Structure formats: structure tokens, C-alpha cells
């Protein structure tokens, strides 16, 4: 008898028996009456593929290719084997679980003890260095005791001489006076020798720099790479392609005004501009000031060219270049206000322009992005969507250009709302991004790209940094308020170093690594 005939026989037999005497097999009752799907049908079969009681209708539809058995027979068999299964659990599986728990606890204890041992070794090493220095200091002090005795003896001779002179000046004979003058000259010579540079000040303790990164390297670290891979495979905690390792490497403040724009020029240095300022600063990732440059006007955005020239969009409706020696106005943008700019190619820039700073738009509003030369000649204008009628922008607050030549515009549409408009160089819309899911406030205040053309967005409304791929798909929140992020206002990347400027002058610097 083939499998199909056998299965049909089981179904027919069970169905017939069910109609004649529902649920009774030699006095056994299944207590499973109504099907979960077909409520008028009894549960008389067991799908062994799904480990699920089913009715006759289910066996001919959703489970028609599965292994099926009469439910009472399945239950009788399971009653007989359940005890043996429990023995396997008790004798094999439970001990394995206990051993695994014990192994985890022991490994944790070993790690903690290893860290404490290393801590003790480092403390002992530091103590040895300190004791060596203290021993040398004490040895020098012993050597200087002879010097102290000499100084005390000389002080006594001087006091004795002055007392003698002051008491007997008029009573000295001529020979005694000559003798006293000779004695004075001898004491004076010795005193001049003592007037040489203070020996004590010639020996100083020079404090060394406490470098945490070197100390961490000496101490060691917990390598979780293999564990992370195993956990990712076992539990799928996070999709590997969306995993980023983010480490803070610098934090400092620059006044209390918003950091409206940043431009890193190396892994450690960046130029930054604070709102309501007429100068720009170059700083290190720990806030050390390296250079300052006067602008001659208030700025809204800037970038640093390949040759080190600074190009600024200024509030007086000009675009200018600034160097240490001079300020040159390249062209006027009147009657429009320049908001943001970035380099788009050799001798070209992208510039966003508005007729006013409102977050709303009327029919007569002008809100555009233009590609132009450094002399102000317009090569392309981006103003409408692909239909040629629908305005693209409400307030094109920031611009970035990917290495694929996608134009990325952070467009603010309200006090707590906005979107990213991403266009190709011909002005065709590639996609819009309105935040994760588009269901909450999203205010893009800064935008940049990493080396893989992922787009990094500062969302000041939610205190978050979004990262999306080059096709507009959300990857993850790179940083949130839980990471100490408050009103991120500007972002910029140099290789794997991310700079974030805050609304109240706070600058944070991070190393960002994409783990694939």
C-alpha cells in the first residue's frame, strides 16, 4: 500500500469512527473537540510535521502533504514514550544546561580575576616607578644635608661678625680693625659663592602626560569578536550589514552659540563656525585652538577647498573666499539669501538660496539650489520635482554631495519637520527621506556622507543621528539622546571620524566603523 492510499485509509477510518462514536477509542477521550480553523469540525488527526492537532478538512487543505496520524493513536504512543523523554531530559539535557551555566559563571570569574590581577600588576609597576623616584629624591636630600650644615655655619659666622662689629666699632685698635675688615672680605667672598643659582631649583620633578589610550593598551581589553559573531548567527541580534561600532574620542565646548557648520581637514583637526560670529576656528578633537580666521561678515555655511581656500555663504548676500591674508568677495547673491554651499567639482559649487528664512512657502516664494562657478555663473538650477511643477524645497537648509554625485538637500518644512531630497546631477529626484517610518517629527539640520556613500543626518528634533544607505533605506540610529546627544546641529566626516556640532556649542567627535 503506497503512502497516499495509507493516508486516505487513515482519514476515512478516523472520519467514519468519529461520526459513529465521537472521541471514543477503547474508552480514551482526546478532549480536543473543535478545530481552531474549521470550528464545526472535530480534532481527530495529528499533523506530525507541524506537531499540531487538525481536523479532516485541514488534512485535505493546509496539511495535505504532511505526515498525518490518527490523534488517539498519536496520544497513546506519546503516553508510552513521554517518561523515557523525561529521563533523557533529566539525565542528559539538564546536566548540559547546568554545565553551561557553570562554565559561563566560571569564565566570568576568570575574566574578572584576570582584570584584577592586571590591575594589581599595573599598580605595582606604578608603585615601583614612584618608589624609585622617591628613593632618588631622598638620596639627593641626604647629599644636600652637608650643604645645609655649611649654610647654617656660615649664617652663624655672619651673625657673630655683625654682633662683634655692632658692639665694639669704636673700641677696635688699628690692627683689630684691619683684621675685622679682612674677616669681612672673607665672609663676603663666601657669601657671593652662596649667591649662585639655587641648587634646589635646578632639580625639578617633570610630570609625564597621562595618556589613557596607552594605559588601555598596556592594561589589555576584552576581545568579543568571536563571541559577537556567534551570537549574531545564533540569535540574529542585529543584521551584520547594519552594525556600526561608534566610539567617542573627543568632547569639548566652543562658547554657547550653535555650531552651524563644521569642516574636518584631517583625522584630528576641523574648522568650525559658531552662530553670530565673524571668525572661524581650527581646533583639534579635544578642543585645542590651532588657528583663527577673520571673515569680515557673519556666515551661514562654508567649506574648505582642496588648496586650503575657505569659501563662505554670508548673511550680507555674498559668497566670499577667506584666507589668512585677505578676504575676497566672489559674487553677490542679491536679492536672494545664501543658506548653504558645498563643492561640486573643479571650479564649481552648489549653493542653496531663499527669498526669506521662513519655514513655510508661498506661491511666490523662491527656494532653489543652483550649481554655479566661483564667479557666480549659473550652470544648473534645481527647483521643481520631476513633473516640472511641484516645488522641491521649502527651506533648503544644508547641502552635501556624495562621491556618486548625488545632491543631498536637508529641506526644513516646519519648526519640527523636514525631509531629505536626494537628486542626481541632472535634477531628477532619486528619493525623499522623512525619518524612520515617516511617523514622527524629523528635522534635518546637518547632512554629510561617509566613505561608503551612506548618508548621515543630524535630526535636531529627536536628538539623533540617522544613517541611511545611498538608496534611502534606513540602516539605524547611529547616536541618540541616550548617548548624551542634545540638539545635534551640524555633522561632517573625515574618513572614519565623525564631528557633531551642537545647538549650545557642544562638539563631539566619534570614530565610526562599519562592521560587515
Protein backbone atom coordinates (compact mmCIF):
# COMPACT_ATOMS: atom_id res chain seq x y z
CA UNK A 1 0.00 0.00 0.00
CA UNK A 2 1.52 3.35 -1.04
CA UNK A 3 1.71 6.45 1.23
CA UNK A 4 -1.22 8.27 -0.40
CA UNK A 5 -3.51 5.19 -0.10
CA UNK A 6 -2.41 4.68 3.50
CA UNK A 7 -3.11 8.30 4.39
CA UNK A 8 -6.53 8.16 2.74
CA UNK A 9 -7.29 4.97 4.67
CA UNK A 10 -6.38 6.67 7.96
CA UNK A 11 -8.52 9.67 7.18
CA UNK A 12 -11.53 7.56 6.08
CA UNK A 13 -11.30 5.25 9.10
CA UNK A 14 -10.95 8.06 11.57
CA UNK A 15 -13.68 10.10 9.96
CA UNK A 16 -16.11 7.18 9.99
CA UNK A 17 -15.27 6.26 13.58
CA UNK A 18 -15.68 9.88 14.57
CA UNK A 19 -19.16 10.06 13.15
CA UNK A 20 -20.17 6.80 14.84
CA UNK A 21 -18.66 7.42 18.23
CA UNK A 22 -17.06 10.82 18.65
CA UNK A 23 -13.81 10.81 20.64
CA UNK A 24 -14.04 7.19 21.90
CA UNK A 25 -11.18 4.76 21.26
CA UNK A 26 -11.37 1.89 23.76
CA UNK A 27 -12.60 4.29 26.37
CA UNK A 28 -9.96 7.02 25.59
CA UNK A 29 -11.21 10.56 25.07
CA UNK A 30 -8.94 13.12 23.40
CA UNK A 31 -10.67 16.19 24.98
CA UNK A 32 -9.71 18.07 21.78
CA UNK A 33 -13.03 18.76 20.10
CA UNK A 34 -13.19 21.87 17.89
CA UNK A 35 -10.74 22.74 15.12
CA UNK A 36 -9.05 26.12 15.51
CA UNK A 37 -9.72 26.92 11.83
CA UNK A 38 -12.88 24.99 10.98
CA UNK A 39 -14.91 25.41 14.14
CA UNK A 40 -17.58 22.84 13.26
CA UNK A 41 -15.04 20.07 12.76
CA UNK A 42 -13.56 17.82 15.44
CA UNK A 43 -9.81 17.50 16.00
CA UNK A 44 -9.37 13.83 15.10
CA UNK A 45 -5.95 13.85 13.40
CA UNK A 46 -2.41 14.83 14.34
CA UNK A 47 -0.07 16.53 11.88
CA UNK A 48 3.31 15.10 12.91
CA UNK A 49 5.12 17.54 10.63
CA UNK A 50 3.70 20.55 12.49
CA UNK A 51 3.09 18.79 15.87
CA UNK A 52 -0.46 20.11 15.76
CA UNK A 53 -3.95 18.56 16.13
CA UNK A 54 -6.06 19.09 12.98
CA UNK A 55 -9.44 18.21 11.56
CA UNK A 56 -10.24 16.22 8.42
CA UNK A 57 -10.72 19.39 6.35
CA UNK A 58 -7.28 20.70 7.42
CA UNK A 59 -5.69 17.39 6.38
CA UNK A 60 -7.04 17.86 2.85
CA UNK A 61 -6.01 21.54 2.58
CA UNK A 62 -3.14 23.20 4.51
CA UNK A 63 -1.63 19.89 5.67
CA UNK A 64 -2.30 17.69 2.64
CA UNK A 65 1.40 16.94 2.04
CA UNK A 66 2.34 16.46 5.72
CA UNK A 67 2.76 13.29 7.75
CA UNK A 68 -0.57 12.64 9.48
CA UNK A 69 -1.70 10.10 12.11
CA UNK A 70 -4.95 9.43 13.96
CA UNK A 71 -4.97 11.62 17.04
CA UNK A 72 -5.87 8.86 19.59
CA UNK A 73 -3.09 6.62 18.27
CA UNK A 74 -0.61 9.51 18.47
CA UNK A 75 -1.70 10.26 22.05
CA UNK A 76 -1.41 6.59 23.11
CA UNK A 77 2.10 6.45 21.68
CA UNK A 78 3.15 9.69 23.34
CA UNK A 79 1.85 8.49 26.72
CA UNK A 80 4.15 5.48 26.43
CA UNK A 81 7.27 7.42 25.38
CA UNK A 82 6.87 10.56 27.48
CA UNK A 83 8.52 9.02 30.54
CA UNK A 84 11.56 7.99 28.51
CA UNK A 85 11.76 11.52 27.08
CA UNK A 86 11.72 12.91 30.61
CA UNK A 87 14.58 10.57 31.55
CA UNK A 88 16.59 11.91 28.59
CA UNK A 89 15.90 15.49 29.77
CA UNK A 90 16.82 14.66 33.38
CA UNK A 91 19.91 12.59 32.61
CA UNK A 92 21.29 14.43 29.59
CA UNK A 93 19.85 17.85 28.80
CA UNK A 94 19.53 19.29 32.32
CA UNK A 95 23.15 18.38 33.24
CA UNK A 96 24.32 20.02 29.99
CA UNK A 97 22.44 23.22 30.86
CA UNK A 98 23.87 23.19 34.40
CA UNK A 99 27.35 22.65 32.98
CA UNK A 100 26.83 25.53 30.53
CA UNK A 101 25.69 27.88 33.33
CA UNK A 102 28.63 26.80 35.47
CA UNK A 103 31.01 27.32 32.53
CA UNK A 104 29.66 30.84 31.93
CA UNK A 105 29.97 31.75 35.61
CA UNK A 106 33.49 30.33 35.81
CA UNK A 107 34.56 32.19 32.66
CA UNK A 108 33.14 35.43 34.10
CA UNK A 109 35.02 34.84 37.36
CA UNK A 110 38.25 34.13 35.45
CA UNK A 111 37.87 37.32 33.40
CA UNK A 112 37.21 39.42 36.48
CA UNK A 113 40.16 37.86 38.31
CA UNK A 114 42.42 38.38 35.26
CA UNK A 115 41.42 42.07 35.15
CA UNK A 116 42.07 42.43 38.90
CA UNK A 117 45.45 40.68 38.53
CA UNK A 118 46.41 43.00 35.70
CA UNK A 119 45.22 45.96 37.75
CA UNK A 120 47.43 44.81 40.63
CA UNK A 121 50.42 44.41 38.28
CA UNK A 122 49.95 47.89 36.86
CA UNK A 123 49.57 49.38 40.34
CA UNK A 124 52.73 47.56 41.47
CA UNK A 125 54.57 48.81 38.37
CA UNK A 126 53.43 52.38 39.05
CA UNK A 127 54.39 51.96 42.72
CA UNK A 128 57.86 50.75 41.70
CA UNK A 129 58.33 53.78 39.46
CA UNK A 130 57.15 56.09 42.26
CA UNK A 131 59.40 54.38 44.83
CA UNK A 132 62.38 54.71 42.51
CA UNK A 133 61.74 58.44 42.13
CA UNK A 134 61.16 58.87 45.89
CA UNK A 135 64.40 56.97 46.65
CA UNK A 136 66.33 59.24 44.32
CA UNK A 137 64.69 62.26 45.94
CA UNK A 138 65.70 61.05 49.43
CA UNK A 139 69.27 60.39 48.25
CA UNK A 140 69.50 63.93 46.91
CA UNK A 141 68.14 65.22 50.24
CA UNK A 142 70.90 63.37 52.13
CA UNK A 143 73.54 64.89 49.86
CA UNK A 144 72.10 68.32 50.50
CA UNK A 145 72.29 67.93 54.30
CA UNK A 146 76.03 68.81 54.07
CA UNK A 147 75.05 71.90 52.16
CA UNK A 148 72.51 72.80 54.83
CA UNK A 149 75.19 72.44 57.56
CA UNK A 150 77.52 74.70 55.58
CA UNK A 151 74.79 77.30 55.24
CA UNK A 152 73.97 77.14 58.95
CA UNK A 153 77.69 77.53 59.89
CA UNK A 154 78.07 80.49 57.57
CA UNK A 155 74.91 82.07 58.98
CA UNK A 156 76.41 81.66 62.50
CA UNK A 157 79.72 83.28 61.39
CA UNK A 158 77.85 86.19 59.87
CA UNK A 159 75.77 86.71 63.00
CA UNK A 160 78.87 86.53 65.22
CA UNK A 161 80.70 89.06 62.99
CA UNK A 162 77.83 91.53 62.91
CA UNK A 163 77.30 91.26 66.69
CA UNK A 164 81.01 91.91 67.29
CA UNK A 165 81.17 94.91 64.96
CA UNK A 166 77.97 96.47 66.28
CA UNK A 167 79.15 96.19 69.90
CA UNK A 168 82.81 97.26 69.53
CA UNK A 169 83.08 99.55 66.47
CA UNK A 170 84.74 102.41 68.40
CA UNK A 171 86.93 100.21 70.59
CA UNK A 172 88.86 98.37 67.89
CA UNK A 173 92.61 99.07 67.70
CA UNK A 174 94.01 99.73 64.27
CA UNK A 175 95.27 96.19 63.91
CA UNK A 176 91.96 94.75 65.12
CA UNK A 177 90.06 96.90 62.64
CA UNK A 178 92.25 95.71 59.77
CA UNK A 179 91.68 92.14 60.95
CA UNK A 180 87.89 92.71 61.04
CA UNK A 181 87.93 94.13 57.50
CA UNK A 182 89.87 91.08 56.30
CA UNK A 183 87.39 88.85 58.05
CA UNK A 184 84.53 90.76 56.40
CA UNK A 185 86.06 90.32 52.93
CA UNK A 186 86.47 86.59 53.58
CA UNK A 187 82.87 86.27 54.69
CA UNK A 188 81.75 88.39 51.74
CA UNK A 189 83.57 86.09 49.33
CA UNK A 190 81.89 83.08 50.85
CA UNK A 191 78.52 84.83 50.69
CA UNK A 192 78.99 85.53 46.96
CA UNK A 193 79.61 81.85 46.41
CA UNK A 194 76.29 81.15 48.10
CA UNK A 195 74.55 83.65 45.81
CA UNK A 196 74.94 81.24 42.85
CA UNK A 197 71.67 79.82 41.41
CA UNK A 198 69.65 77.93 43.97
CA UNK A 199 70.70 74.31 43.73
CA UNK A 200 67.31 73.07 44.88
CA UNK A 201 65.53 74.75 41.97
CA UNK A 202 67.87 73.08 39.49
CA UNK A 203 66.26 69.73 40.25
CA UNK A 204 62.57 69.56 39.34
CA UNK A 205 60.06 66.76 39.01
CA UNK A 206 58.76 66.84 35.45
CA UNK A 207 55.28 65.30 35.33
CA UNK A 208 54.60 62.97 32.43
CA UNK A 209 51.45 63.05 30.27
CA UNK A 210 48.83 60.54 31.39
CA UNK A 211 47.73 59.00 28.09
CA UNK A 212 44.64 56.87 28.63
CA UNK A 213 44.87 55.15 25.24
CA UNK A 214 48.41 53.92 26.01
CA UNK A 215 47.33 52.88 29.50
CA UNK A 216 44.41 50.91 28.00
CA UNK A 217 46.85 49.29 25.57
CA UNK A 218 49.12 48.28 28.47
CA UNK A 219 46.17 47.05 30.55
CA UNK A 220 44.53 44.96 27.83
CA UNK A 221 40.98 44.55 26.52
CA UNK A 222 38.16 42.03 26.31
CA UNK A 223 38.08 40.52 22.82
CA UNK A 224 34.42 39.79 21.99
CA UNK A 225 34.79 39.43 18.22
CA UNK A 226 34.28 35.65 18.11
CA UNK A 227 31.50 35.84 20.70
CA UNK A 228 29.73 38.60 18.73
CA UNK A 229 29.88 36.56 15.53
CA UNK A 230 28.46 33.51 17.32
CA UNK A 231 25.67 35.46 18.96
CA UNK A 232 24.77 37.14 15.68
CA UNK A 233 24.48 33.76 14.00
CA UNK A 234 22.55 32.23 16.89
CA UNK A 235 20.12 34.97 17.83
CA UNK A 236 20.23 37.38 14.90
CA UNK A 237 20.54 40.22 17.40
CA UNK A 238 21.31 42.71 14.64
CA UNK A 239 21.79 42.42 10.92
CA UNK A 240 25.57 42.47 10.32
CA UNK A 241 25.37 44.90 7.40
CA UNK A 242 23.69 47.47 9.67
CA UNK A 243 26.15 47.18 12.54
CA UNK A 244 28.37 50.13 13.31
CA UNK A 245 30.92 50.48 16.07
CA UNK A 246 30.85 54.04 17.38
CA UNK A 247 33.47 55.27 19.87
CA UNK A 248 33.68 58.76 21.34
CA UNK A 249 37.21 60.17 21.02
CA UNK A 250 36.67 63.84 21.83
CA UNK A 251 34.26 66.25 23.52
CA UNK A 252 34.56 69.99 24.21
CA UNK A 253 32.59 73.23 24.09
CA UNK A 254 33.07 76.33 21.97
CA UNK A 255 31.07 79.10 23.63
CA UNK A 256 27.29 78.76 23.92
CA UNK A 257 26.15 79.50 20.36
CA UNK A 258 25.07 76.81 17.90
CA UNK A 259 27.83 75.18 15.84
CA UNK A 260 26.19 75.80 12.47
CA UNK A 261 28.89 74.23 10.28
CA UNK A 262 31.98 72.04 10.54
CA UNK A 263 34.65 71.01 8.07
CA UNK A 264 37.32 68.46 9.12
CA UNK A 265 40.68 68.81 7.36
CA UNK A 266 42.45 65.83 8.98
CA UNK A 267 41.62 62.91 11.31
CA UNK A 268 42.33 65.19 14.29
CA UNK A 269 41.53 68.76 13.18
CA UNK A 270 38.47 70.61 11.91
CA UNK A 271 37.38 74.15 11.15
CA UNK A 272 34.15 75.20 12.86
CA UNK A 273 31.82 78.17 12.73
CA UNK A 274 29.59 79.31 15.59
CA UNK A 275 26.40 81.26 15.01
CA UNK A 276 26.66 85.07 15.32
CA UNK A 277 30.44 85.02 14.91
CA UNK A 278 32.67 86.94 12.50
CA UNK A 279 35.55 84.50 12.67
CA UNK A 280 36.28 80.82 12.11
CA UNK A 281 38.43 78.49 14.21
CA UNK A 282 40.57 75.44 13.54
CA UNK A 283 40.55 73.11 16.56
CA UNK A 284 41.71 69.64 17.48
CA UNK A 285 39.34 66.87 18.55
CA UNK A 286 39.97 67.76 22.21
CA UNK A 287 39.27 71.48 21.70
CA UNK A 288 42.81 72.89 21.38
CA UNK A 289 42.75 76.06 19.27
CA UNK A 290 45.18 75.90 16.32
CA UNK A 291 44.19 78.85 14.11
CA UNK A 292 41.61 81.62 13.88
CA UNK A 293 40.47 83.42 10.74
CA UNK A 294 38.56 86.73 10.48
CA UNK A 295 35.68 86.65 7.97
CA UNK A 296 34.61 90.29 7.79
CA UNK A 297 30.94 89.20 7.90
CA UNK A 298 28.55 86.74 9.51
CA UNK A 299 28.37 83.36 7.80
CA UNK A 300 25.74 80.66 7.34
CA UNK A 301 27.87 77.86 5.89
CA UNK A 302 31.35 77.22 4.48
CA UNK A 303 33.69 74.61 3.08
CA UNK A 304 37.46 74.29 2.70
CA UNK A 305 38.71 73.71 -0.84
CA UNK A 306 41.38 71.27 -1.95
CA UNK A 307 44.01 74.01 -1.90
CA UNK A 308 43.03 75.19 1.58
CA UNK A 309 40.91 78.15 0.43
CA UNK A 310 37.79 78.81 2.54
CA UNK A 311 34.52 79.58 0.73
CA UNK A 312 31.69 81.17 2.76
CA UNK A 313 27.99 81.87 2.23
CA UNK A 314 27.49 85.10 4.18
CA UNK A 315 24.45 86.86 5.62
CA UNK A 316 25.22 90.03 3.61
CA UNK A 317 24.15 88.09 0.49
CA UNK A 318 27.66 87.44 -0.74
CA UNK A 319 29.83 84.41 -1.41
CA UNK A 320 33.44 85.08 -0.46
CA UNK A 321 36.81 83.38 -0.12
CA UNK A 322 38.85 83.94 3.02
CA UNK A 323 42.49 83.31 3.75
CA UNK A 324 44.85 84.45 6.49
CA UNK A 325 46.00 87.36 4.31
CA UNK A 326 42.76 88.65 2.79
CA UNK A 327 39.03 88.39 2.16
CA UNK A 328 37.72 88.39 -1.44
CA UNK A 329 34.05 88.73 -2.36
CA UNK A 330 33.43 86.33 -5.26
CA UNK A 331 29.91 87.44 -6.17
CA UNK A 332 26.63 88.78 -4.78
CA UNK A 333 23.51 86.62 -4.48
CA UNK A 334 21.07 89.55 -4.22
CA UNK A 335 18.14 89.60 -3.92
CA UNK A 336 18.31 86.03 -2.52
CA UNK A 337 19.89 84.87 0.75
CA UNK A 338 22.50 82.09 0.57
CA UNK A 339 21.90 79.30 3.13
CA UNK A 340 24.33 76.52 2.37
CA UNK A 341 27.07 75.57 -0.05
CA UNK A 342 29.46 72.76 -0.90
CA UNK A 343 31.97 71.94 -3.58
CA UNK A 344 30.50 70.18 -6.64
CA UNK A 345 33.51 69.92 -8.95
CA UNK A 346 36.59 71.79 -10.18
CA UNK A 347 35.73 75.49 -10.04
CA UNK A 348 32.07 74.77 -9.20
CA UNK A 349 29.89 74.96 -6.09
CA UNK A 350 26.37 74.00 -5.09
CA UNK A 351 24.52 76.86 -3.39
CA UNK A 352 21.05 76.91 -1.79
CA UNK A 353 19.17 80.22 -1.99
CA UNK A 354 15.92 81.54 -0.47
CA UNK A 355 13.98 84.78 -0.59
CA UNK A 356 13.43 84.68 3.21
CA UNK A 357 14.22 82.47 6.20
CA UNK A 358 10.67 81.25 6.80
CA UNK A 359 9.98 77.53 7.28
CA UNK A 360 6.87 77.90 5.12
CA UNK A 361 6.47 78.56 1.41
CA UNK A 362 4.00 80.61 -0.59
CA UNK A 363 3.29 80.56 -4.31
CA UNK A 364 5.65 83.48 -4.85
CA UNK A 365 8.49 82.01 -2.75
CA UNK A 366 11.86 81.31 -4.31
CA UNK A 367 13.64 78.28 -2.83
CA UNK A 368 16.33 76.87 -5.12
CA UNK A 369 19.62 75.03 -5.29
CA UNK A 370 22.00 76.16 -8.02
CA UNK A 371 25.20 74.74 -9.46
CA UNK A 372 27.46 77.63 -10.37
CA UNK A 373 31.03 78.71 -10.95
CA UNK A 374 33.09 80.61 -8.40
CA UNK A 375 32.35 83.76 -10.36
CA UNK A 376 28.59 83.32 -9.92
CA UNK A 377 27.69 81.96 -13.38
CA UNK A 378 24.73 79.57 -13.02
CA UNK A 379 25.23 76.20 -14.75
CA UNK A 380 22.11 74.44 -13.41
CA UNK A 381 19.08 75.26 -11.24
CA UNK A 382 17.19 72.71 -9.13
CA UNK A 383 13.76 73.96 -8.11
CA UNK A 384 10.99 71.54 -9.15
CA UNK A 385 10.27 67.83 -8.94
CA UNK A 386 10.27 65.57 -11.99
CA UNK A 387 6.87 66.92 -13.13
CA UNK A 388 8.43 70.38 -13.57
CA UNK A 389 5.70 72.00 -11.45
CA UNK A 390 5.88 70.79 -7.84
CA UNK A 391 8.40 72.83 -5.80
CA UNK A 392 11.20 70.70 -4.39
CA UNK A 393 12.17 72.78 -1.38
CA UNK A 394 10.66 74.75 1.49
CA UNK A 395 13.91 75.76 3.19
CA UNK A 396 16.99 74.01 1.72
CA UNK A 397 18.99 74.39 4.91
CA UNK A 398 22.02 72.20 4.15
CA UNK A 399 23.59 70.56 1.10
CA UNK A 400 26.01 67.68 0.63
CA UNK A 401 27.32 65.91 -2.46
CA UNK A 402 28.09 62.18 -2.48
CA UNK A 403 31.02 60.69 -4.38
CA UNK A 404 28.39 59.34 -6.80
CA UNK A 405 27.39 62.96 -7.49
CA UNK A 406 24.02 62.72 -5.75
CA UNK A 407 22.86 66.09 -4.43
CA UNK A 408 21.56 65.66 -0.87
CA UNK A 409 19.47 68.53 0.48
CA UNK A 410 18.29 68.80 4.10
CA UNK A 411 14.98 70.60 3.50
CA UNK A 412 13.20 72.02 6.56
CA UNK A 413 9.43 72.18 6.09
CA UNK A 414 8.42 73.41 9.55
CA UNK A 415 9.74 74.21 13.02
CA UNK A 416 9.96 70.46 13.83
CA UNK A 417 9.66 68.85 10.42
CA UNK A 418 11.68 68.28 7.29
CA UNK A 419 12.94 65.76 4.77
CA UNK A 420 15.96 64.83 2.72
CA UNK A 421 15.63 65.48 -1.02
CA UNK A 422 18.15 63.45 -2.99
CA UNK A 423 18.65 64.33 -6.66
CA UNK A 424 21.02 63.23 -9.36
CA UNK A 425 23.23 65.86 -11.02
CA UNK A 426 20.60 66.32 -13.77
CA UNK A 427 17.99 67.25 -11.14
CA UNK A 428 15.92 64.05 -11.23
CA UNK A 429 14.55 63.01 -7.84
CA UNK A 430 16.09 59.76 -6.63
CA UNK A 431 14.22 59.59 -3.32
CA UNK A 432 12.84 61.51 -0.35
CA UNK A 433 13.58 60.52 3.25
CA UNK A 434 11.28 61.79 6.01
CA UNK A 435 12.73 59.95 9.01
CA UNK A 436 12.33 56.35 10.09
CA UNK A 437 8.84 55.32 9.04
CA UNK A 438 7.88 58.96 8.50
CA UNK A 439 5.62 58.80 11.57
CA UNK A 440 7.32 61.26 13.92
CA UNK A 441 8.98 64.67 13.91
CA UNK A 442 12.11 64.83 11.80
CA UNK A 443 14.19 67.99 11.42
CA UNK A 444 17.37 67.53 9.37
CA UNK A 445 19.81 70.23 10.50
CA UNK A 446 23.03 68.77 9.12
CA UNK A 447 23.97 66.21 6.49
CA UNK A 448 27.12 64.54 5.18
CA UNK A 449 28.28 61.26 3.58
CA UNK A 450 30.71 58.59 4.73
CA UNK A 451 33.25 56.83 2.52
CA UNK A 452 30.62 54.23 1.50
CA UNK A 453 28.15 56.94 0.42
CA UNK A 454 25.86 56.26 3.35
CA UNK A 455 24.07 59.48 4.31
CA UNK A 456 24.46 60.74 7.88
CA UNK A 457 21.78 63.13 9.11
CA UNK A 458 21.62 65.25 12.27
CA UNK A 459 17.99 65.22 13.47
CA UNK A 460 17.75 68.07 15.98
CA UNK A 461 14.06 67.42 16.73
CA UNK A 462 14.78 63.96 18.14
CA UNK A 463 18.39 64.35 19.37
CA UNK A 464 19.51 61.59 16.99
CA UNK A 465 21.92 60.86 14.17
CA UNK A 466 20.33 58.79 11.38
CA UNK A 467 22.32 56.77 8.89
CA UNK A 468 20.68 55.67 5.64
CA UNK A 469 22.18 53.97 2.62
CA UNK A 470 22.63 55.57 -0.79
CA UNK A 471 19.18 54.36 -1.86
CA UNK A 472 17.37 55.97 1.08
CA UNK A 473 16.90 52.86 3.21
CA UNK A 474 17.14 53.45 6.96
CA UNK A 475 20.05 51.50 8.48
CA UNK A 476 19.93 52.55 12.13
CA UNK A 477 20.22 55.41 14.60
CA UNK A 478 23.96 55.95 14.87
CA UNK A 479 23.62 58.00 18.09
CA UNK A 480 20.68 59.05 20.26
CA UNK A 481 19.93 61.08 23.36
CA UNK A 482 20.93 58.03 25.43
CA UNK A 483 24.47 58.61 24.12
CA UNK A 484 24.45 62.16 25.50
CA UNK A 485 23.43 63.75 22.20
CA UNK A 486 21.49 67.02 22.63
CA UNK A 487 20.24 69.06 19.65
CA UNK A 488 22.79 67.95 17.04
CA UNK A 489 23.01 70.83 14.60
CA UNK A 490 25.82 70.03 12.16
CA UNK A 491 27.72 66.92 11.04
CA UNK A 492 30.86 66.31 8.99
CA UNK A 493 33.05 63.28 8.22
CA UNK A 494 36.76 62.82 7.55
CA UNK A 495 37.31 59.18 6.61
CA UNK A 496 36.03 57.31 9.71
CA UNK A 497 35.93 60.32 12.06
CA UNK A 498 32.53 61.94 12.63
CA UNK A 499 32.27 65.50 14.01
CA UNK A 500 28.96 66.67 15.52
CA UNK A 501 28.24 70.30 16.40
CA UNK A 502 25.52 71.01 18.95
CA UNK A 503 22.99 73.80 19.37
CA UNK A 504 24.62 75.05 22.58
CA UNK A 505 28.26 74.98 21.46
CA UNK A 506 28.97 71.35 22.33
CA UNK A 507 31.21 69.45 19.89
CA UNK A 508 31.54 65.66 19.97
CA UNK A 509 33.93 63.59 17.89
CA UNK A 510 33.50 59.86 17.17
CA UNK A 511 35.26 57.02 15.40
CA UNK A 512 32.71 55.16 13.26
CA UNK A 513 33.45 51.70 11.92
CA UNK A 514 31.05 49.76 9.68
CA UNK A 515 31.21 46.08 10.70
CA UNK A 516 30.36 43.83 7.79
